[in-house]
Amino acid sequence: MRATPPNDVLADYLSEELQPGSGAAERLLALIHELHAGRMGTWEVPGDCWSVEFSPVRATIRTEHAIPGRTLHLPLEDFEEAVRAWLDFVALQRASSAS
């Protein structure tokens, strides 16, 4: 998946770190649920090329490998929506491939 800056950071994070079938997207959504519920304050999820740091209001995606020095700050709700949309996209691709 390719996108133009600043959306390239989010697009690359989703396609590189949330591999279909890995369960990573589902684990992130569960973590976001815990943040919304107030059961945790901050959390960092390291990845192969990208990491994401969560607070109760924001997700920060950063890398030193894929696009050196690039960082993207998103409201937590926007990041959650992007992960859900990614899961929908992957499911649609699988359904199309199965047809």
C-alpha atoms as a PDB file:
ATOM      1  CA  MET A   1       0.000   0.000   0.000  1.00  0.00           C
ATOM      2  CA  ARG A   2       1.417   3.433  -0.919  1.00  0.00           C
ATOM      3  CA  ALA A   3       0.301   6.873   0.212  1.00  0.00           C
ATOM      4  CA  THR A   4       1.655  10.419   0.133  1.00  0.00           C
ATOM      5  CA  PRO A   5       3.070  12.176   3.214  1.00  0.00           C
ATOM      6  CA  PRO A   6       1.983  12.358   5.962  1.00  0.00           C
ATOM      7  CA  ASN A   7      -0.338   9.405   5.304  1.00  0.00           C
ATOM      8  CA  ASP A   8       2.595   7.268   4.158  1.00  0.00           C
ATOM      9  CA  VAL A   9       3.545   6.661   7.792  1.00  0.00           C
ATOM     10  CA  LEU A  10       0.124   5.272   8.684  1.00  0.00           C
ATOM     11  CA  ALA A  11      -0.162   3.278   5.448  1.00  0.00           C
ATOM     12  CA  ASP A  12       3.280   1.741   5.900  1.00  0.00           C
ATOM     13  CA  TYR A  13       2.617   0.953   9.568  1.00  0.00           C
ATOM     14  CA  LEU A  14      -0.635  -0.834   8.763  1.00  0.00           C
ATOM     15  CA  SER A  15       0.702  -2.820   5.825  1.00  0.00           C
ATOM     16  CA  GLU A  16       4.080  -3.708   7.342  1.00  0.00           C
ATOM     17  CA  GLU A  17       3.262  -4.305  11.014  1.00  0.00           C
ATOM     18  CA  LEU A  18      -0.327  -5.595  10.920  1.00  0.00           C
ATOM     19  CA  GLN A  19       0.143  -8.615   8.699  1.00  0.00           C
ATOM     20  CA  PRO A  20      -3.101 -10.436   7.869  1.00  0.00           C
ATOM     21  CA  GLY A  21      -3.658 -13.459  10.079  1.00  0.00           C
ATOM     22  CA  SER A  22      -1.071 -12.422  12.688  1.00  0.00           C
ATOM     23  CA  GLY A  23      -3.634 -11.183  15.207  1.00  0.00           C
ATOM     24  CA  ALA A  24      -1.630  -7.963  15.655  1.00  0.00           C
ATOM     25  CA  ALA A  25      -4.519  -5.682  14.662  1.00  0.00           C
ATOM     26  CA  GLU A  26      -6.885  -7.431  17.034  1.00  0.00           C
ATOM     27  CA  ARG A  27      -4.353  -7.131  19.886  1.00  0.00           C
ATOM     28  CA  LEU A  28      -3.993  -3.400  19.181  1.00  0.00           C
ATOM     29  CA  LEU A  29      -7.766  -2.930  19.302  1.00  0.00           C
ATOM     30  CA  ALA A  30      -7.891  -4.745  22.659  1.00  0.00           C
ATOM     31  CA  LEU A  31      -5.110  -2.483  23.958  1.00  0.00           C
ATOM     32  CA  ILE A  32      -6.976   0.613  22.758  1.00  0.00           C
ATOM     33  CA  HIS A  33     -10.073  -0.663  24.566  1.00  0.00           C
ATOM     34  CA  GLU A  34      -8.010  -0.881  27.782  1.00  0.00           C
ATOM     35  CA  LEU A  35      -6.800   2.692  27.264  1.00  0.00           C
ATOM     36  CA  HIS A  36     -10.362   3.947  26.682  1.00  0.00           C
ATOM     37  CA  ALA A  37     -11.472   2.151  29.847  1.00  0.00           C
ATOM     38  CA  GLY A  38      -8.758   3.909  31.858  1.00  0.00           C
ATOM     39  CA  ARG A  39      -7.033   0.674  32.878  1.00  0.00           C
ATOM     40  CA  MET A  40      -3.657   1.852  31.590  1.00  0.00           C
ATOM     41  CA  GLY A  41      -1.943   5.192  31.053  1.00  0.00           C
ATOM     42  CA  THR A  42       0.604   4.740  28.268  1.00  0.00           C
ATOM     43  CA  TRP A  43       1.935   1.797  26.303  1.00  0.00           C
ATOM     44  CA  GLU A  44       4.476   1.230  23.555  1.00  0.00           C
ATOM     45  CA  VAL A  45       4.183  -1.519  20.964  1.00  0.00           C
ATOM     46  CA  PRO A  46       7.485  -2.155  19.185  1.00  0.00           C
ATOM     47  CA  GLY A  47       7.430  -3.662  15.713  1.00  0.00           C
ATOM     48  CA  ASP A  48       9.878  -4.799  13.072  1.00  0.00           C
ATOM     49  CA  CYS A  49      10.199  -1.401  11.351  1.00  0.00           C
ATOM     50  CA  TRP A  50       7.647   0.748  13.154  1.00  0.00           C
ATOM     51  CA  SER A  51       6.618   1.315  16.751  1.00  0.00           C
ATOM     52  CA  VAL A  52       3.497   2.917  18.118  1.00  0.00           C
ATOM     53  CA  GLU A  53       3.179   4.614  21.485  1.00  0.00           C
ATOM     54  CA  PHE A  54      -0.253   5.049  23.016  1.00  0.00           C
ATOM     55  CA  SER A  55      -1.616   7.466  25.565  1.00  0.00           C
ATOM     56  CA  PRO A  56      -5.289   7.739  26.488  1.00  0.00           C
ATOM     57  CA  VAL A  57      -5.729  10.422  23.797  1.00  0.00           C
ATOM     58  CA  ARG A  58      -3.053   9.856  21.161  1.00  0.00           C
ATOM     59  CA  ALA A  59      -1.177   7.296  19.087  1.00  0.00           C
ATOM     60  CA  THR A  60       2.317   8.155  17.898  1.00  0.00           C
ATOM     61  CA  ILE A  61       3.793   6.076  15.083  1.00  0.00           C
ATOM     62  CA  ARG A  62       7.544   6.333  14.564  1.00  0.00           C
ATOM     63  CA  THR A  63      10.375   4.652  12.723  1.00  0.00           C
ATOM     64  CA  GLU A  64      14.088   4.888  12.308  1.00  0.00           C
ATOM     65  CA  HIS A  65      14.193   2.178   9.655  1.00  0.00           C
ATOM     66  CA  ALA A  66      11.435   2.400   7.039  1.00  0.00           C
ATOM     67  CA  ILE A  67      11.370   6.194   6.649  1.00  0.00           C
ATOM     68  CA  PRO A  68      14.161   7.461   8.929  1.00  0.00           C
ATOM     69  CA  GLY A  69      13.011  10.009  11.461  1.00  0.00           C
ATOM     70  CA  ARG A  70       9.336   9.972  10.411  1.00  0.00           C
ATOM     71  CA  THR A  71       6.725  10.315  13.136  1.00  0.00           C
ATOM     72  CA  LEU A  72       2.957  10.687  12.933  1.00  0.00           C
ATOM     73  CA  HIS A  73       0.703  11.765  15.814  1.00  0.00           C
ATOM     74  CA  LEU A  74      -2.966  10.812  15.590  1.00  0.00           C
ATOM     75  CA  PRO A  75      -5.896  11.101  17.966  1.00  0.00           C
ATOM     76  CA  LEU A  76      -6.419   7.654  19.479  1.00  0.00           C
ATOM     77  CA  GLU A  77      -9.888   7.426  17.916  1.00  0.00           C
ATOM     78  CA  ASP A  78      -8.464   8.082  14.434  1.00  0.00           C
ATOM     79  CA  PHE A  79      -5.824   5.384  14.882  1.00  0.00           C
ATOM     80  CA  GLU A  80      -8.476   2.953  16.112  1.00  0.00           C
ATOM     81  CA  GLU A  81     -10.635   3.754  13.071  1.00  0.00           C
ATOM     82  CA  ALA A  82      -7.659   3.164  10.749  1.00  0.00           C
ATOM     83  CA  VAL A  83      -6.943  -0.249  12.318  1.00  0.00           C
ATOM     84  CA  ARG A  84     -10.611  -1.244  11.988  1.00  0.00           C
ATOM     85  CA  ALA A  85     -10.628  -0.076   8.352  1.00  0.00           C
ATOM     86  CA  TRP A  86      -7.445  -2.096   7.745  1.00  0.00           C
ATOM     87  CA  LEU A  87      -9.139  -5.221   9.118  1.00  0.00           C
ATOM     88  CA  ASP A  88     -12.141  -4.592   6.849  1.00  0.00           C
ATOM     89  CA  PHE A  89      -9.818  -4.115   3.853  1.00  0.00           C
ATOM     90  CA  VAL A  90      -7.958  -7.358   4.598  1.00  0.00           C
ATOM     91  CA  ALA A  91     -11.245  -9.258   4.996  1.00  0.00           C
ATOM     92  CA  LEU A  92     -12.492  -7.854   1.673  1.00  0.00           C
ATOM     93  CA  GLN A  93      -9.238  -8.875  -0.059  1.00  0.00           C
ATOM     94  CA  ARG A  94      -9.534 -12.408   1.342  1.00  0.00           C
ATOM     95  CA  ALA A  95     -13.167 -12.638   0.216  1.00  0.00           C
ATOM     96  CA  SER A  96     -12.209 -11.449  -3.284  1.00  0.00           C
ATOM     97  CA  SER A  97      -9.375 -13.977  -3.457  1.00  0.00           C
ATOM     98  CA  ALA A  98     -11.670 -16.813  -2.377  1.00  0.00           C
ATOM     99  CA  SER A  99     -14.176 -16.048  -5.143  1.00  0.00           C
END
